[in-house]
C-alpha atoms as a PDB file:
ATOM      1  CA  MET A   1    -265.142 -53.700 -11.701  1.00  0.00           C
ATOM      2  CA  SER A   2    -264.373 -52.836 -15.459  1.00  0.00           C
ATOM      3  CA  ALA A   3    -266.839 -54.383 -18.545  1.00  0.00           C
ATOM      4  CA  ILE A   4    -263.398 -56.256 -19.534  1.00  0.00           C
ATOM      5  CA  PRO A   5    -261.488 -57.930 -16.723  1.00  0.00           C
ATOM      6  CA  ARG A   6    -258.204 -56.237 -16.310  1.00  0.00           C
ATOM      7  CA  ILE A   7    -255.393 -58.657 -15.225  1.00  0.00           C
ATOM      8  CA  LEU A   8    -252.241 -57.882 -13.919  1.00  0.00           C
ATOM      9  CA  ALA A   9    -249.378 -60.683 -14.627  1.00  0.00           C
ATOM     10  CA  ILE A  10    -246.427 -60.976 -12.676  1.00  0.00           C
ATOM     11  CA  GLY A  11    -243.958 -62.955 -13.635  1.00  0.00           C
ATOM     12  CA  GLY A  12    -240.910 -63.976 -15.841  1.00  0.00           C
ATOM     13  CA  SER A  13    -240.688 -63.780 -19.448  1.00  0.00           C
ATOM     14  CA  ASP A  14    -240.020 -67.332 -21.717  1.00  0.00           C
ATOM     15  CA  SER A  15    -238.232 -66.599 -24.899  1.00  0.00           C
ATOM     16  CA  GLY A  16    -239.949 -69.417 -26.390  1.00  0.00           C
ATOM     17  CA  GLY A  17    -243.400 -68.440 -25.486  1.00  0.00           C
ATOM     18  CA  GLY A  18    -245.253 -71.269 -24.091  1.00  0.00           C
ATOM     19  CA  ALA A  19    -244.870 -70.272 -20.717  1.00  0.00           C
ATOM     20  CA  GLY A  20    -244.656 -66.874 -17.917  1.00  0.00           C
ATOM     21  CA  ILE A  21    -246.100 -63.777 -19.207  1.00  0.00           C
ATOM     22  CA  GLN A  22    -246.244 -64.966 -22.721  1.00  0.00           C
ATOM     23  CA  ALA A  23    -248.531 -67.979 -21.536  1.00  0.00           C
ATOM     24  CA  ASP A  24    -250.536 -65.092 -19.139  1.00  0.00           C
ATOM     25  CA  ILE A  25    -251.392 -63.074 -21.816  1.00  0.00           C
ATOM     26  CA  LYS A  26    -252.295 -65.175 -24.272  1.00  0.00           C
ATOM     27  CA  THR A  27    -254.703 -67.087 -22.047  1.00  0.00           C
ATOM     28  CA  VAL A  28    -256.229 -63.896 -20.508  1.00  0.00           C
ATOM     29  CA  THR A  29    -256.688 -62.415 -23.890  1.00  0.00           C
ATOM     30  CA  ALA A  30    -258.656 -65.606 -25.120  1.00  0.00           C
ATOM     31  CA  MET A  31    -260.296 -65.465 -22.090  1.00  0.00           C
ATOM     32  CA  GLY A  32    -262.072 -62.079 -23.007  1.00  0.00           C
ATOM     33  CA  GLY A  33    -259.786 -60.316 -21.111  1.00  0.00           C
ATOM     34  CA  TYR A  34    -256.949 -57.590 -20.630  1.00  0.00           C
ATOM     35  CA  ALA A  35    -253.182 -58.197 -20.096  1.00  0.00           C
ATOM     36  CA  ALA A  36    -251.219 -56.328 -18.581  1.00  0.00           C
ATOM     37  CA  THR A  37    -247.561 -57.138 -17.088  1.00  0.00           C
ATOM     38  CA  ALA A  38    -244.791 -56.520 -14.921  1.00  0.00           C
ATOM     39  CA  ILE A  39    -241.743 -58.213 -15.584  1.00  0.00           C
ATOM     40  CA  THR A  40    -239.990 -59.793 -13.166  1.00  0.00           C
ATOM     41  CA  ALA A  41    -236.735 -61.711 -14.985  1.00  0.00           C
ATOM     42  CA  VAL A  42    -235.744 -62.430 -18.421  1.00  0.00           C
ATOM     43  CA  THR A  43    -235.021 -66.095 -19.561  1.00  0.00           C
ATOM     44  CA  VAL A  44    -233.578 -67.509 -22.444  1.00  0.00           C
ATOM     45  CA  GLN A  45    -235.999 -70.707 -22.990  1.00  0.00           C
ATOM     46  CA  ASP A  46    -237.147 -73.204 -25.670  1.00  0.00           C
ATOM     47  CA  THR A  47    -239.030 -76.272 -25.069  1.00  0.00           C
ATOM     48  CA  LEU A  48    -235.739 -78.251 -23.809  1.00  0.00           C
ATOM     49  CA  GLY A  49    -235.243 -76.236 -21.091  1.00  0.00           C
ATOM     50  CA  VAL A  50    -234.339 -73.034 -19.230  1.00  0.00           C
ATOM     51  CA  HIS A  51    -230.667 -72.177 -20.612  1.00  0.00           C
ATOM     52  CA  ALA A  52    -230.285 -68.671 -18.792  1.00  0.00           C
ATOM     53  CA  VAL A  53    -232.086 -66.657 -16.073  1.00  0.00           C
ATOM     54  CA  HIS A  54    -231.648 -62.590 -16.319  1.00  0.00           C
ATOM     55  CA  ALA A  55    -233.706 -60.564 -13.636  1.00  0.00           C
ATOM     56  CA  VAL A  56    -235.350 -57.219 -13.464  1.00  0.00           C
ATOM     57  CA  PRO A  57    -233.993 -55.167 -10.741  1.00  0.00           C
ATOM     58  CA  PRO A  58    -236.438 -55.040  -7.448  1.00  0.00           C
ATOM     59  CA  ASP A  59    -237.307 -51.516  -8.014  1.00  0.00           C
ATOM     60  CA  LEU A  60    -237.872 -51.735 -11.769  1.00  0.00           C
ATOM     61  CA  ILE A  61    -240.596 -54.566 -10.737  1.00  0.00           C
ATOM     62  CA  ALA A  62    -242.182 -52.431  -8.310  1.00  0.00           C
ATOM     63  CA  ALA A  63    -242.120 -49.452 -10.569  1.00  0.00           C
ATOM     64  CA  GLN A  64    -243.843 -51.477 -13.504  1.00  0.00           C
ATOM     65  CA  ILE A  65    -246.523 -52.219 -11.104  1.00  0.00           C
ATOM     66  CA  GLY A  66    -247.263 -49.668  -9.767  1.00  0.00           C
ATOM     67  CA  ALA A  67    -247.032 -48.193 -13.323  1.00  0.00           C
ATOM     68  CA  VAL A  68    -250.615 -50.183 -14.360  1.00  0.00           C
ATOM     69  CA  LEU A  69    -252.354 -49.940 -11.165  1.00  0.00           C
ATOM     70  CA  ASP A  70    -251.837 -46.061 -10.273  1.00  0.00           C
ATOM     71  CA  ASP A  71    -253.094 -45.552 -14.542  1.00  0.00           C
ATOM     72  CA  ILE A  72    -254.853 -48.506 -15.658  1.00  0.00           C
ATOM     73  CA  GLY A  73    -255.791 -50.498 -12.701  1.00  0.00           C
ATOM     74  CA  ALA A  74    -256.315 -53.991 -12.431  1.00  0.00           C
ATOM     75  CA  ASP A  75    -259.688 -56.359 -11.505  1.00  0.00           C
ATOM     76  CA  ALA A  76    -257.109 -59.434 -10.515  1.00  0.00           C
ATOM     77  CA  VAL A  77    -253.345 -59.928 -10.121  1.00  0.00           C
ATOM     78  CA  LYS A  78    -251.840 -63.064 -11.330  1.00  0.00           C
ATOM     79  CA  ILE A  79    -248.415 -63.970  -9.672  1.00  0.00           C
ATOM     80  CA  GLY A  80    -246.246 -66.182 -11.071  1.00  0.00           C
ATOM     81  CA  MET A  81    -242.308 -66.693 -10.814  1.00  0.00           C
ATOM     82  CA  VAL A  82    -240.489 -63.671  -8.959  1.00  0.00           C
ATOM     83  CA  GLY A  83    -236.687 -65.155  -8.131  1.00  0.00           C
ATOM     84  CA  ASP A  84    -235.497 -64.198  -4.956  1.00  0.00           C
ATOM     85  CA  ALA A  85    -236.016 -62.699  -1.362  1.00  0.00           C
ATOM     86  CA  ALA A  86    -235.501 -58.916  -2.686  1.00  0.00           C
ATOM     87  CA  ALA A  87    -237.930 -59.459  -5.792  1.00  0.00           C
ATOM     88  CA  PHE A  88    -240.567 -60.739  -3.255  1.00  0.00           C
ATOM     89  CA  ALA A  89    -240.221 -58.156  -1.016  1.00  0.00           C
ATOM     90  CA  ALA A  90    -240.758 -55.674  -3.775  1.00  0.00           C
ATOM     91  CA  VAL A  91    -243.809 -57.379  -5.248  1.00  0.00           C
ATOM     92  CA  ALA A  92    -245.343 -56.798  -1.931  1.00  0.00           C
ATOM     93  CA  ARG A  93    -244.273 -53.334  -1.060  1.00  0.00           C
ATOM     94  CA  ALA A  94    -246.265 -52.420  -5.024  1.00  0.00           C
ATOM     95  CA  LEU A  95    -249.178 -54.579  -4.079  1.00  0.00           C
ATOM     96  CA  ALA A  96    -249.433 -53.124  -0.398  1.00  0.00           C
ATOM     97  CA  PRO A  97    -251.276 -50.093  -1.359  1.00  0.00           C
ATOM     98  CA  HIS A  98    -253.944 -52.226  -3.243  1.00  0.00           C
ATOM     99  CA  PRO A  99    -255.454 -55.053  -0.209  1.00  0.00           C
ATOM    100  CA  ALA A 100    -258.833 -55.366  -2.519  1.00  0.00           C
ATOM    101  CA  ILE A 101    -257.656 -56.481  -5.913  1.00  0.00           C
ATOM    102  CA  PRO A 102    -257.584 -60.081  -6.041  1.00  0.00           C
ATOM    103  CA  ARG A 103    -254.318 -61.881  -6.061  1.00  0.00           C
ATOM    104  CA  ILE A 104    -253.846 -65.566  -7.993  1.00  0.00           C
ATOM    105  CA  VAL A 105    -250.075 -66.927  -6.449  1.00  0.00           C
ATOM    106  CA  ASP A 106    -249.172 -69.418  -8.800  1.00  0.00           C
ATOM    107  CA  PRO A 107    -245.918 -70.181  -7.041  1.00  0.00           C
ATOM    108  CA  VAL A 108    -243.195 -71.003  -9.470  1.00  0.00           C
ATOM    109  CA  MET A 109    -240.487 -72.674  -8.250  1.00  0.00           C
ATOM    110  CA  ALA A 110    -239.030 -74.816 -11.317  1.00  0.00           C
ATOM    111  CA  ALA A 111    -239.386 -74.685 -14.939  1.00  0.00           C
ATOM    112  CA  LYS A 112    -240.663 -77.913 -16.589  1.00  0.00           C
ATOM    113  CA  GLY A 113    -237.563 -79.534 -17.516  1.00  0.00           C
ATOM    114  CA  GLY A 114    -236.201 -79.064 -13.722  1.00  0.00           C
ATOM    115  CA  ALA A 115    -234.528 -75.461 -14.129  1.00  0.00           C
ATOM    116  CA  ALA A 116    -235.193 -74.057 -10.309  1.00  0.00           C
ATOM    117  CA  LEU A 117    -236.744 -71.053 -10.562  1.00  0.00           C
ATOM    118  CA  ILE A 118    -236.377 -69.396  -7.526  1.00  0.00           C
ATOM    119  CA  ASP A 119    -234.157 -68.739  -5.420  1.00  0.00           C
ATOM    120  CA  PRO A 120    -234.738 -71.558  -2.054  1.00  0.00           C
ATOM    121  CA  ALA A 121    -233.955 -67.925   0.646  1.00  0.00           C
ATOM    122  CA  ALA A 122    -237.168 -66.425  -1.194  1.00  0.00           C
ATOM    123  CA  ILE A 123    -240.019 -69.047  -0.054  1.00  0.00           C
ATOM    124  CA  GLU A 124    -240.463 -67.164   2.959  1.00  0.00           C
ATOM    125  CA  GLY A 125    -240.855 -64.187   0.795  1.00  0.00           C
ATOM    126  CA  LEU A 126    -243.787 -66.556  -1.839  1.00  0.00           C
ATOM    127  CA  ARG A 127    -245.275 -67.635   1.692  1.00  0.00           C
ATOM    128  CA  ARG A 128    -246.392 -64.219   2.522  1.00  0.00           C
ATOM    129  CA  LEU A 129    -247.209 -63.209  -0.634  1.00  0.00           C
ATOM    130  CA  ILE A 130    -249.667 -66.329  -0.222  1.00  0.00           C
ATOM    131  CA  GLU A 131    -251.283 -64.937   3.160  1.00  0.00           C
ATOM    132  CA  GLY A 132    -254.356 -63.060   1.852  1.00  0.00           C
ATOM    133  CA  ALA A 133    -254.089 -64.787  -1.365  1.00  0.00           C
ATOM    134  CA  ALA A 134    -257.593 -65.790  -3.457  1.00  0.00           C
ATOM    135  CA  LEU A 135    -256.307 -68.313  -4.578  1.00  0.00           C
ATOM    136  CA  VAL A 136    -252.714 -70.324  -4.443  1.00  0.00           C
ATOM    137  CA  THR A 137    -252.457 -72.744  -7.046  1.00  0.00           C
ATOM    138  CA  PRO A 138    -249.463 -75.313  -6.152  1.00  0.00           C
ATOM    139  CA  ASN A 139    -248.991 -78.526  -8.149  1.00  0.00           C
ATOM    140  CA  ALA A 140    -248.078 -81.368  -5.876  1.00  0.00           C
ATOM    141  CA  PRO A 141    -244.277 -80.866  -5.782  1.00  0.00           C
ATOM    142  CA  GLU A 142    -244.457 -77.227  -4.963  1.00  0.00           C
ATOM    143  CA  ALA A 143    -247.904 -78.202  -1.909  1.00  0.00           C
ATOM    144  CA  ALA A 144    -244.979 -80.583  -0.542  1.00  0.00           C
ATOM    145  CA  ILE A 145    -242.160 -77.709  -0.277  1.00  0.00           C
ATOM    146  CA  LEU A 146    -244.475 -74.767   1.098  1.00  0.00           C
ATOM    147  CA  THR A 147    -246.134 -77.324   3.716  1.00  0.00           C
ATOM    148  CA  GLY A 148    -243.769 -79.376   4.788  1.00  0.00           C
ATOM    149  CA  GLN A 149    -245.893 -82.460   3.911  1.00  0.00           C
ATOM    150  CA  ALA A 150    -246.142 -85.546   2.101  1.00  0.00           C
ATOM    151  CA  VAL A 151    -248.425 -84.594  -1.431  1.00  0.00           C
ATOM    152  CA  GLU A 152    -248.169 -88.241  -3.110  1.00  0.00           C
ATOM    153  CA  ASP A 153    -251.924 -88.943  -3.328  1.00  0.00           C
ATOM    154  CA  LEU A 154    -255.782 -87.115  -2.960  1.00  0.00           C
ATOM    155  CA  ASP A 155    -255.422 -87.134   0.349  1.00  0.00           C
ATOM    156  CA  GLY A 156    -251.749 -85.699   0.171  1.00  0.00           C
ATOM    157  CA  GLN A 157    -253.535 -82.819  -1.833  1.00  0.00           C
ATOM    158  CA  ARG A 158    -256.711 -82.018   0.619  1.00  0.00           C
ATOM    159  CA  ALA A 159    -254.403 -82.168   3.594  1.00  0.00           C
ATOM    160  CA  ALA A 160    -251.453 -79.741   1.850  1.00  0.00           C
ATOM    161  CA  ALA A 161    -254.566 -77.404   0.342  1.00  0.00           C
ATOM    162  CA  ARG A 162    -256.385 -77.703   4.334  1.00  0.00           C
ATOM    163  CA  ALA A 163    -252.393 -76.600   5.093  1.00  0.00           C
ATOM    164  CA  LEU A 164    -252.121 -73.245   2.736  1.00  0.00           C
ATOM    165  CA  ILE A 165    -255.704 -71.848   3.657  1.00  0.00           C
ATOM    166  CA  ALA A 166    -254.625 -72.586   7.737  1.00  0.00           C
ATOM    167  CA  SER A 167    -251.624 -70.658   6.753  1.00  0.00           C
ATOM    168  CA  GLY A 168    -253.133 -67.875   5.086  1.00  0.00           C
ATOM    169  CA  ALA A 169    -254.876 -68.153   2.196  1.00  0.00           C
ATOM    170  CA  ARG A 170    -258.397 -68.537   1.406  1.00  0.00           C
ATOM    171  CA  ALA A 171    -258.324 -70.933  -1.075  1.00  0.00           C
ATOM    172  CA  ALA A 172    -256.369 -73.320  -2.456  1.00  0.00           C
ATOM    173  CA  LEU A 173    -255.890 -75.528  -5.738  1.00  0.00           C
ATOM    174  CA  VAL A 174    -253.656 -78.611  -5.492  1.00  0.00           C
ATOM    175  CA  LYS A 175    -252.904 -79.856  -8.561  1.00  0.00           C
ATOM    176  CA  GLY A 176    -252.594 -83.456  -9.222  1.00  0.00           C
ATOM    177  CA  GLY A 177    -250.532 -83.743 -12.502  1.00  0.00           C
ATOM    178  CA  HIS A 178    -247.350 -85.451 -10.694  1.00  0.00           C
ATOM    179  CA  VAL A 179    -249.244 -88.182  -8.858  1.00  0.00           C
ATOM    180  CA  PRO A 180    -249.716 -91.385 -10.499  1.00  0.00           C
ATOM    181  CA  GLY A 181    -252.588 -92.575 -12.188  1.00  0.00           C
ATOM    182  CA  PRO A 182    -254.059 -92.441 -15.302  1.00  0.00           C
ATOM    183  CA  ARG A 183    -256.289 -89.486 -14.611  1.00  0.00           C
ATOM    184  CA  VAL A 184    -255.730 -86.059 -13.313  1.00  0.00           C
ATOM    185  CA  ILE A 185    -257.284 -84.979 -10.356  1.00  0.00           C
ATOM    186  CA  ASP A 186    -256.593 -81.465  -8.967  1.00  0.00           C
ATOM    187  CA  VAL A 187    -258.548 -80.309  -5.320  1.00  0.00           C
ATOM    188  CA  LEU A 188    -259.620 -76.899  -4.587  1.00  0.00           C
ATOM    189  CA  VAL A 189    -260.505 -76.196  -0.732  1.00  0.00           C
ATOM    190  CA  SER A 190    -261.864 -72.946   0.426  1.00  0.00           C
ATOM    191  CA  GLY A 191    -264.747 -71.783   3.071  1.00  0.00           C
ATOM    192  CA  ALA A 192    -267.333 -73.250   0.568  1.00  0.00           C
ATOM    193  CA  GLY A 193    -265.506 -76.487   0.677  1.00  0.00           C
ATOM    194  CA  GLU A 194    -264.008 -78.904  -1.108  1.00  0.00           C
ATOM    195  CA  THR A 195    -264.204 -79.312  -5.157  1.00  0.00           C
ATOM    196  CA  ILE A 196    -262.765 -82.015  -7.179  1.00  0.00           C
ATOM    197  CA  PHE A 197    -261.518 -81.454 -10.486  1.00  0.00           C
ATOM    198  CA  GLU A 198    -260.675 -84.696 -12.682  1.00  0.00           C
ATOM    199  CA  GLY A 199    -259.914 -86.019 -16.351  1.00  0.00           C
ATOM    200  CA  PRO A 200    -258.468 -88.398 -18.288  1.00  0.00           C
ATOM    201  CA  ARG A 201    -254.081 -88.278 -18.395  1.00  0.00           C
ATOM    202  CA  MET A 202    -253.711 -86.990 -21.178  1.00  0.00           C
ATOM    203  CA  GLU A 203    -250.258 -88.558 -23.350  1.00  0.00           C
ATOM    204  CA  THR A 204    -248.586 -85.773 -24.735  1.00  0.00           C
ATOM    205  CA  ARG A 205    -245.106 -84.205 -24.404  1.00  0.00           C
ATOM    206  CA  HIS A 206    -247.238 -80.522 -25.103  1.00  0.00           C
ATOM    207  CA  THR A 207    -247.627 -79.612 -21.274  1.00  0.00           C
ATOM    208  CA  HIS A 208    -244.960 -76.477 -21.205  1.00  0.00           C
ATOM    209  CA  GLY A 209    -246.760 -73.109 -19.520  1.00  0.00           C
ATOM    210  CA  THR A 210    -250.043 -75.833 -18.145  1.00  0.00           C
ATOM    211  CA  GLY A 211    -249.845 -74.049 -14.525  1.00  0.00           C
ATOM    212  CA  CYS A 212    -249.124 -70.416 -15.978  1.00  0.00           C
ATOM    213  CA  THR A 213    -252.241 -71.162 -18.042  1.00  0.00           C
ATOM    214  CA  LEU A 214    -254.534 -72.602 -15.553  1.00  0.00           C
ATOM    215  CA  SER A 215    -253.769 -69.652 -13.002  1.00  0.00           C
ATOM    216  CA  SER A 216    -253.919 -67.042 -15.372  1.00  0.00           C
ATOM    217  CA  ALA A 217    -257.197 -68.439 -16.461  1.00  0.00           C
ATOM    218  CA  CYS A 218    -258.449 -68.753 -13.037  1.00  0.00           C
ATOM    219  CA  ALA A 219    -257.886 -65.400 -12.758  1.00  0.00           C
ATOM    220  CA  VAL A 220    -260.131 -64.170 -15.704  1.00  0.00           C
ATOM    221  CA  GLY A 221    -262.885 -65.914 -13.829  1.00  0.00           C
ATOM    222  CA  ILE A 222    -262.428 -63.897 -10.532  1.00  0.00           C
ATOM    223  CA  ALA A 223    -261.965 -60.674 -12.137  1.00  0.00           C
ATOM    224  CA  ARG A 224    -265.530 -61.291 -13.316  1.00  0.00           C
ATOM    225  CA  GLY A 225    -266.442 -62.363 -10.271  1.00  0.00           C
ATOM    226  CA  LEU A 226    -267.647 -65.414 -11.188  1.00  0.00           C
ATOM    227  CA  PRO A 227    -268.120 -67.665  -8.011  1.00  0.00           C
ATOM    228  CA  LEU A 228    -264.612 -69.861  -6.818  1.00  0.00           C
ATOM    229  CA  ALA A 229    -265.201 -73.308  -8.440  1.00  0.00           C
ATOM    230  CA  GLU A 230    -267.457 -71.833 -11.788  1.00  0.00           C
ATOM    231  CA  ALA A 231    -263.678 -69.900 -11.764  1.00  0.00           C
ATOM    232  CA  VAL A 232    -261.540 -72.585 -11.469  1.00  0.00           C
ATOM    233  CA  ALA A 233    -263.822 -75.290 -13.727  1.00  0.00           C
ATOM    234  CA  ARG A 234    -263.759 -72.597 -16.818  1.00  0.00           C
ATOM    235  CA  ALA A 235    -259.916 -72.446 -16.375  1.00  0.00           C
ATOM    236  CA  TRP A 236    -260.022 -76.024 -16.037  1.00  0.00           C
ATOM    237  CA  ALA A 237    -261.687 -76.935 -19.405  1.00  0.00           C
ATOM    238  CA  PHE A 238    -259.600 -73.706 -20.951  1.00  0.00           C
ATOM    239  CA  THR A 239    -256.659 -75.183 -19.952  1.00  0.00           C
ATOM    240  CA  ALA A 240    -257.736 -79.280 -20.959  1.00  0.00           C
ATOM    241  CA  GLU A 241    -258.584 -77.991 -24.433  1.00  0.00           C
ATOM    242  CA  ALA A 242    -255.281 -76.112 -24.509  1.00  0.00           C
ATOM    243  CA  ILE A 243    -253.626 -78.707 -24.424  1.00  0.00           C
ATOM    244  CA  ARG A 244    -255.747 -80.848 -26.656  1.00  0.00           C
ATOM    245  CA  ASN A 245    -254.717 -78.342 -29.951  1.00  0.00           C
ATOM    246  CA  ALA A 246    -250.912 -78.169 -28.482  1.00  0.00           C
ATOM    247  CA  PRO A 247    -249.904 -76.766 -32.060  1.00  0.00           C
ATOM    248  CA  GLY A 248    -246.605 -79.557 -31.971  1.00  0.00           C
ATOM    249  CA  PHE A 249    -243.343 -76.901 -31.708  1.00  0.00           C
ATOM    250  CA  GLY A 250    -240.715 -77.676 -30.474  1.00  0.00           C
ATOM    251  CA  ARG A 251    -238.473 -80.638 -29.748  1.00  0.00           C
ATOM    252  CA  GLY A 252    -238.914 -80.866 -25.964  1.00  0.00           C
ATOM    253  CA  ALA A 253    -242.103 -80.385 -23.739  1.00  0.00           C
ATOM    254  CA  GLY A 254    -244.148 -77.800 -26.244  1.00  0.00           C
ATOM    255  CA  PRO A 255    -246.402 -75.378 -25.701  1.00  0.00           C
ATOM    256  CA  LEU A 256    -249.840 -74.947 -25.582  1.00  0.00           C
ATOM    257  CA  GLY A 257    -253.140 -73.851 -27.853  1.00  0.00           C
ATOM    258  CA  HIS A 258    -254.075 -70.965 -26.312  1.00  0.00           C
ATOM    259  CA  ALA A 259    -256.659 -69.614 -29.336  1.00  0.00           C
ATOM    260  CA  GLN A 260    -259.966 -70.727 -28.132  1.00  0.00           C
ATOM    261  CA  THR A 261    -261.664 -67.249 -27.762  1.00  0.00           C
ATOM    262  CA  GLU A 262    -265.533 -69.299 -27.638  1.00  0.00           C
ATOM    263  CA  ARG A 263    -264.524 -71.971 -25.225  1.00  0.00           C
ATOM    264  CA  GLY A 264    -262.807 -69.025 -23.259  1.00  0.00           C
ATOM    265  CA  ARG A 265    -265.843 -66.880 -22.799  1.00  0.00           C
END
């Protein structure tokens, strides 16, 4: 492991800068890491929604991953938006020679405004990437799709997390932002047991990129070699602070404020 944790972020580009690769780079940098990237898609996106998506050819996705890992290396790989079955196959093929690098999978299926970011036919490819992942971080709707279970309360989150582990993930953080209630509860389940992360629900429209930020922050902690629960706790605190410090940009779901280096370290 290098002195500066190296994170390879695989995902889509957000022209508005709030989510995707842009959020990954900002988060990793704020938390004292080095961010490299493999772009899977270019989106036309702002705080009002996703207006167009142009997929990067699968061979080019694989080439980006190979170039980074063969030269710079990585202490963790964070996987976000991939898109279609061919792209998932390319990611899996490029990562296959590097099984020791922990994978953090954020199963991005839809943008904040509801635009689909994954071909339904590609979900099986996503499930294969989840197998053996150090951590998978779905929100409640994503966990429901991946497990076929209702995720409408804390018990549902727990059950979905256990199902994801049964399917091959080493740990699962099932997020509760979509679960109604005055407090947001995320559930981390791993071989070490269960940890609950809980805080008051913030009334704000500036939450674009929250999932990307949280998963990338988790990746930094895992790359540092922190115990999983500690890595997630640090990521949780960083993300909450980023929401509180949102710059207020845009007319829709605005971006977070990532410039919190002291909190991140």
